[in-house]
Amino acid sequence: WDVLSLDEVSAEVSNVEVKALNLGAETVVRQADGRADYSLHADISFEADAEYDDPGYFIWDEETRTAIYYEKIHRRIERTVEVPLDVTVRFDPQDLRSGTVEQIVVNRNAVLILEPEDEGNY
């Protein structure tokens, strides 16, 4: 992820490390011509460095009617999130024992929203 929404703020994210991936039961959405599309959910546990504007340190610009932040918060965050996965697999209809994953779409390319863990701490 390049950008991540932490409740009410957007954060720049780097150094993402996936710690665990647990897949839920899959549902076949479509199957035809040696191709199957599956839908399932995954619990992804990860750590990441997040940097975002400190809402306590800003100047209000009357002319542009925007806040200009002058302090940043840098944090290492740990989270487990549930996201939808769409998986496409190509297989030989004569041999259903093996296949090749063609595509995996995580969270349907949406922005990941994280809620505060407790009392506003991210």
PDB file of N, CA and C in Angstrom:
ATOM      1  N   TRP A   1       0.840  -1.194   0.000  1.00  0.00           N
ATOM      2  CA  TRP A   1       0.000   0.000   0.000  1.00  0.00           C
ATOM      3  C   TRP A   1       0.871   1.237   0.000  1.00  0.00           C
ATOM      4  N   ASP A   2       0.490   2.222  -0.767  1.00  0.00           N
ATOM      5  CA  ASP A   2       1.188   3.492  -0.735  1.00  0.00           C
ATOM      6  C   ASP A   2       0.494   4.466   0.191  1.00  0.00           C
ATOM      7  N   VAL A   3      -0.827   4.439   0.185  1.00  0.00           N
ATOM      8  CA  VAL A   3      -1.606   5.335   1.042  1.00  0.00           C
ATOM      9  C   VAL A   3      -2.597   4.489   1.807  1.00  0.00           C
ATOM     10  N   LEU A   4      -2.806   4.850   3.043  1.00  0.00           N
ATOM     11  CA  LEU A   4      -3.647   4.089   3.933  1.00  0.00           C
ATOM     12  C   LEU A   4      -4.439   5.082   4.753  1.00  0.00           C
ATOM     13  N   SER A   5      -5.709   4.840   4.965  1.00  0.00           N
ATOM     14  CA  SER A   5      -6.521   5.751   5.754  1.00  0.00           C
ATOM     15  C   SER A   5      -6.611   5.224   7.178  1.00  0.00           C
ATOM     16  N   LEU A   6      -6.158   6.008   8.128  1.00  0.00           N
ATOM     17  CA  LEU A   6      -6.217   5.667   9.544  1.00  0.00           C
ATOM     18  C   LEU A   6      -7.349   6.464  10.166  1.00  0.00           C
ATOM     19  N   ASP A   7      -8.560   5.937  10.130  1.00  0.00           N
ATOM     20  CA  ASP A   7      -9.745   6.599  10.647  1.00  0.00           C
ATOM     21  C   ASP A   7      -9.961   7.926   9.930  1.00  0.00           C
ATOM     22  N   GLU A   8      -9.533   9.048  10.489  1.00  0.00           N
ATOM     23  CA  GLU A   8      -9.791  10.360   9.899  1.00  0.00           C
ATOM     24  C   GLU A   8      -8.598  10.965   9.173  1.00  0.00           C
ATOM     25  N   VAL A   9      -7.453  10.296   9.147  1.00  0.00           N
ATOM     26  CA  VAL A   9      -6.272  10.852   8.492  1.00  0.00           C
ATOM     27  C   VAL A   9      -5.764   9.880   7.426  1.00  0.00           C
ATOM     28  N   SER A  10      -5.100  10.423   6.423  1.00  0.00           N
ATOM     29  CA  SER A  10      -4.454   9.594   5.413  1.00  0.00           C
ATOM     30  C   SER A  10      -2.971   9.510   5.753  1.00  0.00           C
ATOM     31  N   ALA A  11      -2.415   8.329   5.577  1.00  0.00           N
ATOM     32  CA  ALA A  11      -1.020   8.117   5.931  1.00  0.00           C
ATOM     33  C   ALA A  11      -0.245   7.588   4.734  1.00  0.00           C
ATOM     34  N   GLU A  12       1.008   8.002   4.638  1.00  0.00           N
ATOM     35  CA  GLU A  12       1.940   7.403   3.694  1.00  0.00           C
ATOM     36  C   GLU A  12       2.479   6.151   4.379  1.00  0.00           C
ATOM     37  N   VAL A  13       2.534   5.052   3.652  1.00  0.00           N
ATOM     38  CA  VAL A  13       2.913   3.777   4.241  1.00  0.00           C
ATOM     39  C   VAL A  13       4.136   3.215   3.520  1.00  0.00           C
ATOM     40  N   SER A  14       5.058   2.664   4.300  1.00  0.00           N
ATOM     41  CA  SER A  14       6.244   2.025   3.722  1.00  0.00           C
ATOM     42  C   SER A  14       6.626   0.830   4.585  1.00  0.00           C
ATOM     43  N   ASN A  15       7.548   0.038   4.086  1.00  0.00           N
ATOM     44  CA  ASN A  15       8.085  -1.118   4.820  1.00  0.00           C
ATOM     45  C   ASN A  15       6.991  -2.041   5.350  1.00  0.00           C
ATOM     46  N   VAL A  16       6.066  -2.415   4.484  1.00  0.00           N
ATOM     47  CA  VAL A  16       4.975  -3.311   4.872  1.00  0.00           C
ATOM     48  C   VAL A  16       5.508  -4.737   4.943  1.00  0.00           C
ATOM     49  N   GLU A  17       5.235  -5.393   6.069  1.00  0.00           N
ATOM     50  CA  GLU A  17       5.625  -6.788   6.262  1.00  0.00           C
ATOM     51  C   GLU A  17       4.388  -7.588   6.614  1.00  0.00           C
ATOM     52  N   VAL A  18       3.998  -8.513   5.738  1.00  0.00           N
ATOM     53  CA  VAL A  18       2.868  -9.391   6.023  1.00  0.00           C
ATOM     54  C   VAL A  18       3.360 -10.469   6.979  1.00  0.00           C
ATOM     55  N   LYS A  19       2.697 -10.581   8.125  1.00  0.00           N
ATOM     56  CA  LYS A  19       3.102 -11.540   9.150  1.00  0.00           C
ATOM     57  C   LYS A  19       2.309 -12.839   9.074  1.00  0.00           C
ATOM     58  N   ALA A  20       1.042 -12.756   8.644  1.00  0.00           N
ATOM     59  CA  ALA A  20       0.202 -13.956   8.543  1.00  0.00           C
ATOM     60  C   ALA A  20      -0.910 -13.709   7.542  1.00  0.00           C
ATOM     61  N   LEU A  21      -1.332 -14.779   6.887  1.00  0.00           N
ATOM     62  CA  LEU A  21      -2.420 -14.731   5.924  1.00  0.00           C
ATOM     63  C   LEU A  21      -3.289 -15.952   6.159  1.00  0.00           C
ATOM     64  N   ASN A  22      -4.542 -15.730   6.540  1.00  0.00           N
ATOM     65  CA  ASN A  22      -5.479 -16.818   6.768  1.00  0.00           C
ATOM     66  C   ASN A  22      -6.632 -16.666   5.789  1.00  0.00           C
ATOM     67  N   LEU A  23      -6.837 -17.701   4.977  1.00  0.00           N
ATOM     68  CA  LEU A  23      -7.868 -17.663   3.953  1.00  0.00           C
ATOM     69  C   LEU A  23      -9.150 -18.299   4.448  1.00  0.00           C
ATOM     70  N   GLY A  24     -10.276 -17.664   4.107  1.00  0.00           N
ATOM     71  CA  GLY A  24     -11.581 -18.218   4.435  1.00  0.00           C
ATOM     72  C   GLY A  24     -12.042 -19.160   3.335  1.00  0.00           C
ATOM     73  N   ALA A  25     -13.240 -19.684   3.480  1.00  0.00           N
ATOM     74  CA  ALA A  25     -13.809 -20.599   2.479  1.00  0.00           C
ATOM     75  C   ALA A  25     -14.069 -19.842   1.184  1.00  0.00           C
ATOM     76  N   GLU A  26     -13.779 -20.516   0.068  1.00  0.00           N
ATOM     77  CA  GLU A  26     -13.972 -19.864  -1.224  1.00  0.00           C
ATOM     78  C   GLU A  26     -15.347 -20.193  -1.802  1.00  0.00           C
ATOM     79  N   THR A  27     -15.803 -19.316  -2.661  1.00  0.00           N
ATOM     80  CA  THR A  27     -17.037 -19.507  -3.406  1.00  0.00           C
ATOM     81  C   THR A  27     -16.693 -19.388  -4.882  1.00  0.00           C
ATOM     82  N   VAL A  28     -17.116 -20.363  -5.673  1.00  0.00           N
ATOM     83  CA  VAL A  28     -16.888 -20.282  -7.115  1.00  0.00           C
ATOM     84  C   VAL A  28     -17.899 -19.301  -7.680  1.00  0.00           C
ATOM     85  N   VAL A  29     -17.394 -18.243  -8.292  1.00  0.00           N
ATOM     86  CA  VAL A  29     -18.257 -17.217  -8.872  1.00  0.00           C
ATOM     87  C   VAL A  29     -18.616 -17.587 -10.307  1.00  0.00           C
ATOM     88  N   ARG A  30     -17.615 -18.084 -11.041  1.00  0.00           N
ATOM     89  CA  ARG A  30     -17.831 -18.446 -12.445  1.00  0.00           C
ATOM     90  C   ARG A  30     -16.805 -19.504 -12.833  1.00  0.00           C
ATOM     91  N   GLN A  31     -17.264 -20.480 -13.634  1.00  0.00           N
ATOM     92  CA  GLN A  31     -16.349 -21.513 -14.110  1.00  0.00           C
ATOM     93  C   GLN A  31     -16.730 -21.837 -15.551  1.00  0.00           C
ATOM     94  N   ALA A  32     -15.771 -21.671 -16.463  1.00  0.00           N
ATOM     95  CA  ALA A  32     -16.021 -21.984 -17.870  1.00  0.00           C
ATOM     96  C   ALA A  32     -14.703 -21.995 -18.622  1.00  0.00           C
ATOM     97  N   ASP A  33     -14.625 -22.844 -19.623  1.00  0.00           N
ATOM     98  CA  ASP A  33     -13.497 -22.872 -20.563  1.00  0.00           C
ATOM     99  C   ASP A  33     -12.130 -22.930 -19.883  1.00  0.00           C
ATOM    100  N   GLY A  34     -11.986 -23.790 -18.896  1.00  0.00           N
ATOM    101  CA  GLY A  34     -10.690 -23.962 -18.257  1.00  0.00           C
ATOM    102  C   GLY A  34     -10.280 -22.816 -17.354  1.00  0.00           C
ATOM    103  N   ARG A  35     -11.248 -22.066 -16.900  1.00  0.00           N
ATOM    104  CA  ARG A  35     -10.968 -20.925 -16.024  1.00  0.00           C
ATOM    105  C   ARG A  35     -12.029 -20.875 -14.926  1.00  0.00           C
ATOM    106  N   ALA A  36     -11.591 -20.566 -13.707  1.00  0.00           N
ATOM    107  CA  ALA A  36     -12.522 -20.439 -12.588  1.00  0.00           C
ATOM    108  C   ALA A  36     -12.222 -19.151 -11.829  1.00  0.00           C
ATOM    109  N   ASP A  37     -13.276 -18.449 -11.477  1.00  0.00           N
ATOM    110  CA  ASP A  37     -13.157 -17.243 -10.657  1.00  0.00           C
ATOM    111  C   ASP A  37     -13.726 -17.551  -9.281  1.00  0.00           C
ATOM    112  N   TYR A  38     -12.926 -17.269  -8.266  1.00  0.00           N
ATOM    113  CA  TYR A  38     -13.310 -17.527  -6.883  1.00  0.00           C
ATOM    114  C   TYR A  38     -13.400 -16.215  -6.121  1.00  0.00           C
ATOM    115  N   SER A  39     -14.240 -16.209  -5.125  1.00  0.00           N
ATOM    116  CA  SER A  39     -14.334 -15.076  -4.204  1.00  0.00           C
ATOM    117  C   SER A  39     -14.165 -15.620  -2.794  1.00  0.00           C
ATOM    118  N   LEU A  40     -13.345 -14.963  -1.990  1.00  0.00           N
ATOM    119  CA  LEU A  40     -13.148 -15.379  -0.608  1.00  0.00           C
ATOM    120  C   LEU A  40     -12.657 -14.198   0.213  1.00  0.00           C
ATOM    121  N   HIS A  41     -12.569 -14.390   1.504  1.00  0.00           N
ATOM    122  CA  HIS A  41     -12.037 -13.364   2.403  1.00  0.00           C
ATOM    123  C   HIS A  41     -10.737 -13.874   3.010  1.00  0.00           C
ATOM    124  N   ALA A  42      -9.870 -12.930   3.329  1.00  0.00           N
ATOM    125  CA  ALA A  42      -8.604 -13.273   3.972  1.00  0.00           C
ATOM    126  C   ALA A  42      -8.383 -12.352   5.165  1.00  0.00           C
ATOM    127  N   ASP A  43      -7.854 -12.906   6.225  1.00  0.00           N
ATOM    128  CA  ASP A  43      -7.374 -12.106   7.350  1.00  0.00           C
ATOM    129  C   ASP A  43      -5.878 -11.924   7.129  1.00  0.00           C
ATOM    130  N   ILE A  44      -5.445 -10.668   6.973  1.00  0.00           N
ATOM    131  CA  ILE A  44      -4.043 -10.365   6.738  1.00  0.00           C
ATOM    132  C   ILE A  44      -3.493  -9.630   7.947  1.00  0.00           C
ATOM    133  N   SER A  45      -2.489 -10.212   8.589  1.00  0.00           N
ATOM    134  CA  SER A  45      -1.801  -9.554   9.703  1.00  0.00           C
ATOM    135  C   SER A  45      -0.521  -8.944   9.151  1.00  0.00           C
ATOM    136  N   PHE A  46      -0.304  -7.662   9.450  1.00  0.00           N
ATOM    137  CA  PHE A  46       0.866  -6.993   8.902  1.00  0.00           C
ATOM    138  C   PHE A  46       1.389  -5.936   9.850  1.00  0.00           C
ATOM    139  N   GLU A  47       2.631  -5.532   9.596  1.00  0.00           N
ATOM    140  CA  GLU A  47       3.252  -4.391  10.246  1.00  0.00           C
ATOM    141  C   GLU A  47       3.662  -3.430   9.140  1.00  0.00           C
ATOM    142  N   ALA A  48       3.641  -2.129   9.451  1.00  0.00           N
ATOM    143  CA  ALA A  48       4.035  -1.132   8.457  1.00  0.00           C
ATOM    144  C   ALA A  48       4.456   0.148   9.158  1.00  0.00           C
ATOM    145  N   ASP A  49       5.309   0.912   8.481  1.00  0.00           N
ATOM    146  CA  ASP A  49       5.648   2.249   8.945  1.00  0.00           C
ATOM    147  C   ASP A  49       4.631   3.209   8.354  1.00  0.00           C
ATOM    148  N   ALA A  50       4.050   4.061   9.200  1.00  0.00           N
ATOM    149  CA  ALA A  50       3.056   5.030   8.741  1.00  0.00           C
ATOM    150  C   ALA A  50       3.519   6.431   9.124  1.00  0.00           C
ATOM    151  N   GLU A  51       3.300   7.363   8.214  1.00  0.00           N
ATOM    152  CA  GLU A  51       3.619   8.765   8.464  1.00  0.00           C
ATOM    153  C   GLU A  51       2.402   9.588   8.063  1.00  0.00           C
ATOM    154  N   TYR A  52       1.940  10.441   8.989  1.00  0.00           N
ATOM    155  CA  TYR A  52       0.768  11.251   8.701  1.00  0.00           C
ATOM    156  C   TYR A  52       0.845  12.573   9.445  1.00  0.00           C
ATOM    157  N   ASP A  53       0.055  13.531   8.970  1.00  0.00           N
ATOM    158  CA  ASP A  53       0.026  14.853   9.587  1.00  0.00           C
ATOM    159  C   ASP A  53      -0.495  14.759  11.008  1.00  0.00           C
ATOM    160  N   ASP A  54       0.175  15.469  11.920  1.00  0.00           N
ATOM    161  CA  ASP A  54      -0.268  15.528  13.317  1.00  0.00           C
ATOM    162  C   ASP A  54      -1.394  16.550  13.407  1.00  0.00           C
ATOM    163  N   PRO A  55      -2.614  16.108  13.698  1.00  0.00           N
ATOM    164  CA  PRO A  55      -3.751  17.038  13.729  1.00  0.00           C
ATOM    165  C   PRO A  55      -3.642  18.097  14.822  1.00  0.00           C
ATOM    166  N   GLY A  56      -2.694  17.955  15.737  1.00  0.00           N
ATOM    167  CA  GLY A  56      -2.521  18.943  16.802  1.00  0.00           C
ATOM    168  C   GLY A  56      -1.613  20.100  16.417  1.00  0.00           C
ATOM    169  N   TYR A  57      -0.970  20.013  15.250  1.00  0.00           N
ATOM    170  CA  TYR A  57      -0.012  21.034  14.847  1.00  0.00           C
ATOM    171  C   TYR A  57      -0.294  21.511  13.426  1.00  0.00           C
ATOM    172  N   PHE A  58      -1.131  22.528  13.316  1.00  0.00           N
ATOM    173  CA  PHE A  58      -1.433  23.075  12.002  1.00  0.00           C
ATOM    174  C   PHE A  58      -1.740  24.564  12.105  1.00  0.00           C
ATOM    175  N   ILE A  59      -1.660  25.210  10.962  1.00  0.00           N
ATOM    176  CA  ILE A  59      -2.031  26.620  10.824  1.00  0.00           C
ATOM    177  C   ILE A  59      -3.181  26.668   9.843  1.00  0.00           C
ATOM    178  N   TRP A  60      -4.205  27.450  10.150  1.00  0.00           N
ATOM    179  CA  TRP A  60      -5.351  27.588   9.254  1.00  0.00           C
ATOM    180  C   TRP A  60      -5.081  28.730   8.275  1.00  0.00           C
ATOM    181  N   ASP A  61      -5.157  28.440   6.992  1.00  0.00           N
ATOM    182  CA  ASP A  61      -4.957  29.441   5.956  1.00  0.00           C
ATOM    183  C   ASP A  61      -6.336  29.955   5.530  1.00  0.00           C
ATOM    184  N   GLU A  62      -6.643  31.180   5.917  1.00  0.00           N
ATOM    185  CA  GLU A  62      -7.951  31.768   5.603  1.00  0.00           C
ATOM    186  C   GLU A  62      -8.169  31.937   4.113  1.00  0.00           C
ATOM    187  N   GLU A  63      -7.103  32.265   3.401  1.00  0.00           N
ATOM    188  CA  GLU A  63      -7.244  32.515   1.974  1.00  0.00           C
ATOM    189  C   GLU A  63      -7.660  31.253   1.214  1.00  0.00           C
ATOM    190  N   THR A  64      -6.983  30.151   1.485  1.00  0.00           N
ATOM    191  CA  THR A  64      -7.297  28.902   0.788  1.00  0.00           C
ATOM    192  C   THR A  64      -8.289  28.041   1.561  1.00  0.00           C
ATOM    193  N   ARG A  65      -8.554  28.426   2.799  1.00  0.00           N
ATOM    194  CA  ARG A  65      -9.473  27.703   3.683  1.00  0.00           C
ATOM    195  C   ARG A  65      -9.049  26.239   3.855  1.00  0.00           C
ATOM    196  N   THR A  66      -7.735  26.075   4.073  1.00  0.00           N
ATOM    197  CA  THR A  66      -7.180  24.744   4.306  1.00  0.00           C
ATOM    198  C   THR A  66      -6.236  24.782   5.496  1.00  0.00           C
ATOM    199  N   ALA A  67      -6.024  23.626   6.068  1.00  0.00           N
ATOM    200  CA  ALA A  67      -5.061  23.493   7.162  1.00  0.00           C
ATOM    201  C   ALA A  67      -3.691  23.179   6.574  1.00  0.00           C
ATOM    202  N   ILE A  68      -2.666  23.829   7.104  1.00  0.00           N
ATOM    203  CA  ILE A  68      -1.284  23.556   6.718  1.00  0.00           C
ATOM    204  C   ILE A  68      -0.610  22.919   7.932  1.00  0.00           C
ATOM    205  N   TYR A  69      -0.301  21.641   7.811  1.00  0.00           N
ATOM    206  CA  TYR A  69       0.296  20.897   8.921  1.00  0.00           C
ATOM    207  C   TYR A  69       1.804  21.068   8.915  1.00  0.00           C
ATOM    208  N   TYR A  70       2.393  21.220  10.088  1.00  0.00           N
ATOM    209  CA  TYR A  70       3.837  21.399  10.162  1.00  0.00           C
ATOM    210  C   TYR A  70       4.521  20.368  11.047  1.00  0.00           C
ATOM    211  N   GLU A  71       3.805  19.388  11.513  1.00  0.00           N
ATOM    212  CA  GLU A  71       4.398  18.273  12.258  1.00  0.00           C
ATOM    213  C   GLU A  71       3.852  16.970  11.685  1.00  0.00           C
ATOM    214  N   LYS A  72       4.690  15.958  11.684  1.00  0.00           N
ATOM    215  CA  LYS A  72       4.297  14.629  11.209  1.00  0.00           C
ATOM    216  C   LYS A  72       4.408  13.630  12.354  1.00  0.00           C
ATOM    217  N   ILE A  73       3.596  12.606  12.301  1.00  0.00           N
ATOM    218  CA  ILE A  73       3.676  11.492  13.236  1.00  0.00           C
ATOM    219  C   ILE A  73       4.236  10.301  12.463  1.00  0.00           C
ATOM    220  N   HIS A  74       5.247   9.651  13.034  1.00  0.00           N
ATOM    221  CA  HIS A  74       5.862   8.463  12.443  1.00  0.00           C
ATOM    222  C   HIS A  74       5.610   7.315  13.417  1.00  0.00           C
ATOM    223  N   ARG A  75       4.973   6.251  12.940  1.00  0.00           N
ATOM    224  CA  ARG A  75       4.659   5.119  13.813  1.00  0.00           C
ATOM    225  C   ARG A  75       4.837   3.809  13.081  1.00  0.00           C
ATOM    226  N   ARG A  76       5.174   2.796  13.829  1.00  0.00           N
ATOM    227  CA  ARG A  76       5.137   1.417  13.320  1.00  0.00           C
ATOM    228  C   ARG A  76       3.796   0.870  13.768  1.00  0.00           C
ATOM    229  N   ILE A  77       2.958   0.457  12.835  1.00  0.00           N
ATOM    230  CA  ILE A  77       1.638  -0.050  13.195  1.00  0.00           C
ATOM    231  C   ILE A  77       1.571  -1.551  12.949  1.00  0.00           C
ATOM    232  N   GLU A  78       0.750  -2.225  13.732  1.00  0.00           N
ATOM    233  CA  GLU A  78       0.480  -3.656  13.581  1.00  0.00           C
ATOM    234  C   GLU A  78      -1.032  -3.812  13.508  1.00  0.00           C
ATOM    235  N   ARG A  79      -1.495  -4.525  12.503  1.00  0.00           N
ATOM    236  CA  ARG A  79      -2.931  -4.700  12.341  1.00  0.00           C
ATOM    237  C   ARG A  79      -3.238  -6.061  11.733  1.00  0.00           C
ATOM    238  N   THR A  80      -4.458  -6.513  11.964  1.00  0.00           N
ATOM    239  CA  THR A  80      -5.039  -7.629  11.231  1.00  0.00           C
ATOM    240  C   THR A  80      -6.325  -7.102  10.619  1.00  0.00           C
ATOM    241  N   VAL A  81      -6.436  -7.233   9.314  1.00  0.00           N
ATOM    242  CA  VAL A  81      -7.615  -6.744   8.604  1.00  0.00           C
ATOM    243  C   VAL A  81      -8.224  -7.874   7.794  1.00  0.00           C
ATOM    244  N   GLU A  82      -9.525  -7.821   7.636  1.00  0.00           N
ATOM    245  CA  GLU A  82     -10.218  -8.770   6.773  1.00  0.00           C
ATOM    246  C   GLU A  82     -10.480  -8.076   5.440  1.00  0.00           C
ATOM    247  N   VAL A  83     -10.050  -8.698   4.361  1.00  0.00           N
ATOM    248  CA  VAL A  83     -10.235  -8.116   3.039  1.00  0.00           C
ATOM    249  C   VAL A  83     -10.801  -9.161   2.091  1.00  0.00           C
ATOM    250  N   PRO A  84     -11.595  -8.720   1.113  1.00  0.00           N
ATOM    251  CA  PRO A  84     -12.074  -9.656   0.099  1.00  0.00           C
ATOM    252  C   PRO A  84     -10.975  -9.936  -0.930  1.00  0.00           C
ATOM    253  N   LEU A  85     -10.946 -11.162  -1.418  1.00  0.00           N
ATOM    254  CA  LEU A  85     -10.017 -11.558  -2.472  1.00  0.00           C
ATOM    255  C   LEU A  85     -10.817 -12.102  -3.653  1.00  0.00           C
ATOM    256  N   ASP A  86     -10.425 -11.711  -4.850  1.00  0.00           N
ATOM    257  CA  ASP A  86     -10.967 -12.296  -6.071  1.00  0.00           C
ATOM    258  C   ASP A  86      -9.806 -13.007  -6.750  1.00  0.00           C
ATOM    259  N   VAL A  87      -9.954 -14.306  -6.990  1.00  0.00           N
ATOM    260  CA  VAL A  87      -8.871 -15.122  -7.525  1.00  0.00           C
ATOM    261  C   VAL A  87      -9.340 -15.768  -8.829  1.00  0.00           C
ATOM    262  N   THR A  88      -8.487 -15.684  -9.852  1.00  0.00           N
ATOM    263  CA  THR A  88      -8.757 -16.345 -11.130  1.00  0.00           C
ATOM    264  C   THR A  88      -7.722 -17.440 -11.335  1.00  0.00           C
ATOM    265  N   VAL A  89      -8.213 -18.649 -11.608  1.00  0.00           N
ATOM    266  CA  VAL A  89      -7.349 -19.814 -11.803  1.00  0.00           C
ATOM    267  C   VAL A  89      -7.624 -20.402 -13.189  1.00  0.00           C
ATOM    268  N   ARG A  90      -6.544 -20.692 -13.923  1.00  0.00           N
ATOM    269  CA  ARG A  90      -6.658 -21.373 -15.218  1.00  0.00           C
ATOM    270  C   ARG A  90      -6.267 -22.824 -14.987  1.00  0.00           C
ATOM    271  N   PHE A  91      -7.036 -23.755 -15.569  1.00  0.00           N
ATOM    272  CA  PHE A  91      -6.772 -25.179 -15.374  1.00  0.00           C
ATOM    273  C   PHE A  91      -7.094 -25.946 -16.650  1.00  0.00           C
ATOM    274  N   ASP A  92      -6.578 -27.158 -16.702  1.00  0.00           N
ATOM    275  CA  ASP A  92      -6.854 -28.062 -17.822  1.00  0.00           C
ATOM    276  C   ASP A  92      -8.127 -28.826 -17.471  1.00  0.00           C
ATOM    277  N   PRO A  93      -9.192 -28.669 -18.261  1.00  0.00           N
ATOM    278  CA  PRO A  93     -10.445 -29.377 -17.949  1.00  0.00           C
ATOM    279  C   PRO A  93     -10.289 -30.906 -17.916  1.00  0.00           C
ATOM    280  N   GLN A  94      -9.239 -31.440 -18.553  1.00  0.00           N
ATOM    281  CA  GLN A  94      -8.988 -32.885 -18.545  1.00  0.00           C
ATOM    282  C   GLN A  94      -8.239 -33.336 -17.298  1.00  0.00           C
ATOM    283  N   ASP A  95      -7.610 -32.396 -16.579  1.00  0.00           N
ATOM    284  CA  ASP A  95      -6.837 -32.726 -15.380  1.00  0.00           C
ATOM    285  C   ASP A  95      -7.091 -31.643 -14.325  1.00  0.00           C
ATOM    286  N   LEU A  96      -8.070 -31.859 -13.473  1.00  0.00           N
ATOM    287  CA  LEU A  96      -8.479 -30.853 -12.479  1.00  0.00           C
ATOM    288  C   LEU A  96      -7.613 -30.855 -11.227  1.00  0.00           C
ATOM    289  N   ARG A  97      -6.550 -31.675 -11.217  1.00  0.00           N
ATOM    290  CA  ARG A  97      -5.707 -31.757 -10.025  1.00  0.00           C
ATOM    291  C   ARG A  97      -4.743 -30.589  -9.896  1.00  0.00           C
ATOM    292  N   SER A  98      -4.533 -29.844 -10.963  1.00  0.00           N
ATOM    293  CA  SER A  98      -3.610 -28.716 -10.873  1.00  0.00           C
ATOM    294  C   SER A  98      -4.134 -27.556 -11.699  1.00  0.00           C
ATOM    295  N   GLY A  99      -3.652 -26.376 -11.355  1.00  0.00           N
ATOM    296  CA  GLY A  99      -4.045 -25.169 -12.073  1.00  0.00           C
ATOM    297  C   GLY A  99      -3.012 -24.084 -11.836  1.00  0.00           C
ATOM    298  N   THR A 100      -3.185 -22.976 -12.519  1.00  0.00           N
ATOM    299  CA  THR A 100      -2.279 -21.839 -12.390  1.00  0.00           C
ATOM    300  C   THR A 100      -3.074 -20.611 -11.998  1.00  0.00           C
ATOM    301  N   VAL A 101      -2.635 -19.958 -10.933  1.00  0.00           N
ATOM    302  CA  VAL A 101      -3.294 -18.718 -10.513  1.00  0.00           C
ATOM    303  C   VAL A 101      -2.917 -17.631 -11.513  1.00  0.00           C
ATOM    304  N   GLU A 102      -3.921 -17.048 -12.148  1.00  0.00           N
ATOM    305  CA  GLU A 102      -3.692 -15.988 -13.129  1.00  0.00           C
ATOM    306  C   GLU A 102      -3.701 -14.611 -12.496  1.00  0.00           C
ATOM    307  N   GLN A 103      -4.581 -14.431 -11.536  1.00  0.00           N
ATOM    308  CA  GLN A 103      -4.762 -13.085 -10.977  1.00  0.00           C
ATOM    309  C   GLN A 103      -5.330 -13.174  -9.572  1.00  0.00           C
ATOM    310  N   ILE A 104      -4.852 -12.282  -8.706  1.00  0.00           N
ATOM    311  CA  ILE A 104      -5.432 -12.111  -7.370  1.00  0.00           C
ATOM    312  C   ILE A 104      -5.668 -10.620  -7.180  1.00  0.00           C
ATOM    313  N   VAL A 105      -6.895 -10.253  -6.896  1.00  0.00           N
ATOM    314  CA  VAL A 105      -7.232  -8.855  -6.617  1.00  0.00           C
ATOM    315  C   VAL A 105      -7.566  -8.772  -5.133  1.00  0.00           C
ATOM    316  N   VAL A 106      -6.789  -7.974  -4.395  1.00  0.00           N
ATOM    317  CA  VAL A 106      -6.974  -7.818  -2.955  1.00  0.00           C
ATOM    318  C   VAL A 106      -7.809  -6.574  -2.687  1.00  0.00           C
ATOM    319  N   ASN A 107      -8.875  -6.742  -1.914  1.00  0.00           N
ATOM    320  CA  ASN A 107      -9.711  -5.619  -1.465  1.00  0.00           C
ATOM    321  C   ASN A 107     -10.293  -4.838  -2.649  1.00  0.00           C
ATOM    322  N   ARG A 108     -10.375  -5.484  -3.800  1.00  0.00           N
ATOM    323  CA  ARG A 108     -10.907  -4.861  -5.017  1.00  0.00           C
ATOM    324  C   ARG A 108     -10.279  -3.498  -5.264  1.00  0.00           C
ATOM    325  N   ASN A 109      -8.967  -3.412  -4.918  1.00  0.00           N
ATOM    326  CA  ASN A 109      -8.142  -2.216  -5.136  1.00  0.00           C
ATOM    327  C   ASN A 109      -8.651  -0.987  -4.398  1.00  0.00           C
ATOM    328  N   ALA A 110      -9.399  -1.165  -3.336  1.00  0.00           N
ATOM    329  CA  ALA A 110      -9.902  -0.037  -2.553  1.00  0.00           C
ATOM    330  C   ALA A 110      -8.855   0.413  -1.540  1.00  0.00           C
ATOM    331  N   VAL A 111      -9.054   1.601  -0.991  1.00  0.00           N
ATOM    332  CA  VAL A 111      -8.189   2.100   0.074  1.00  0.00           C
ATOM    333  C   VAL A 111      -8.506   1.323   1.343  1.00  0.00           C
ATOM    334  N   LEU A 112      -7.488   0.930   2.050  1.00  0.00           N
ATOM    335  CA  LEU A 112      -7.654   0.190   3.293  1.00  0.00           C
ATOM    336  C   LEU A 112      -7.929   1.160   4.433  1.00  0.00           C
ATOM    337  N   ILE A 113      -9.033   0.959   5.152  1.00  0.00           N
ATOM    338  CA  ILE A 113      -9.422   1.823   6.265  1.00  0.00           C
ATOM    339  C   ILE A 113      -9.108   1.096   7.568  1.00  0.00           C
ATOM    340  N   LEU A 114      -8.366   1.759   8.453  1.00  0.00           N
ATOM    341  CA  LEU A 114      -8.050   1.184   9.758  1.00  0.00           C
ATOM    342  C   LEU A 114      -8.687   2.024  10.846  1.00  0.00           C
ATOM    343  N   GLU A 115      -9.270   1.376  11.816  1.00  0.00           N
ATOM    344  CA  GLU A 115      -9.857   2.051  12.962  1.00  0.00           C
ATOM    345  C   GLU A 115      -8.808   2.152  14.072  1.00  0.00           C
ATOM    346  N   PRO A 116      -8.917   3.152  14.945  1.00  0.00           N
ATOM    347  CA  PRO A 116      -7.970   3.250  16.056  1.00  0.00           C
ATOM    348  C   PRO A 116      -8.067   2.012  16.939  1.00  0.00           C
ATOM    349  N   GLU A 117      -6.932   1.561  17.446  1.00  0.00           N
ATOM    350  CA  GLU A 117      -6.946   0.399  18.338  1.00  0.00           C
ATOM    351  C   GLU A 117      -7.594   0.729  19.669  1.00  0.00           C
ATOM    352  N   ASP A 118      -7.269   1.870  20.232  1.00  0.00           N
ATOM    353  CA  ASP A 118      -7.875   2.289  21.480  1.00  0.00           C
ATOM    354  C   ASP A 118      -7.641   3.790  21.664  1.00  0.00           C
ATOM    355  N   GLU A 119      -8.656   4.497  22.035  1.00  0.00           N
ATOM    356  CA  GLU A 119      -8.583   5.934  22.355  1.00  0.00           C
ATOM    357  C   GLU A 119      -7.757   6.724  21.371  1.00  0.00           C
ATOM    358  N   GLY A 120      -7.937   6.482  20.077  1.00  0.00           N
ATOM    359  CA  GLY A 120      -7.291   7.299  19.082  1.00  0.00           C
ATOM    360  C   GLY A 120      -5.847   6.928  18.760  1.00  0.00           C
ATOM    361  N   ASN A 121      -5.319   5.874  19.366  1.00  0.00           N
ATOM    362  CA  ASN A 121      -3.946   5.453  19.049  1.00  0.00           C
ATOM    363  C   ASN A 121      -3.976   4.532  17.843  1.00  0.00           C
ATOM    364  N   TYR A 122      -3.112   4.791  16.886  1.00  0.00           N
ATOM    365  CA  TYR A 122      -3.107   3.992  15.668  1.00  0.00           C
ATOM    366  C   TYR A 122      -2.053   2.970  15.745  1.00  0.00           C
TER     367      TYR A 122
END
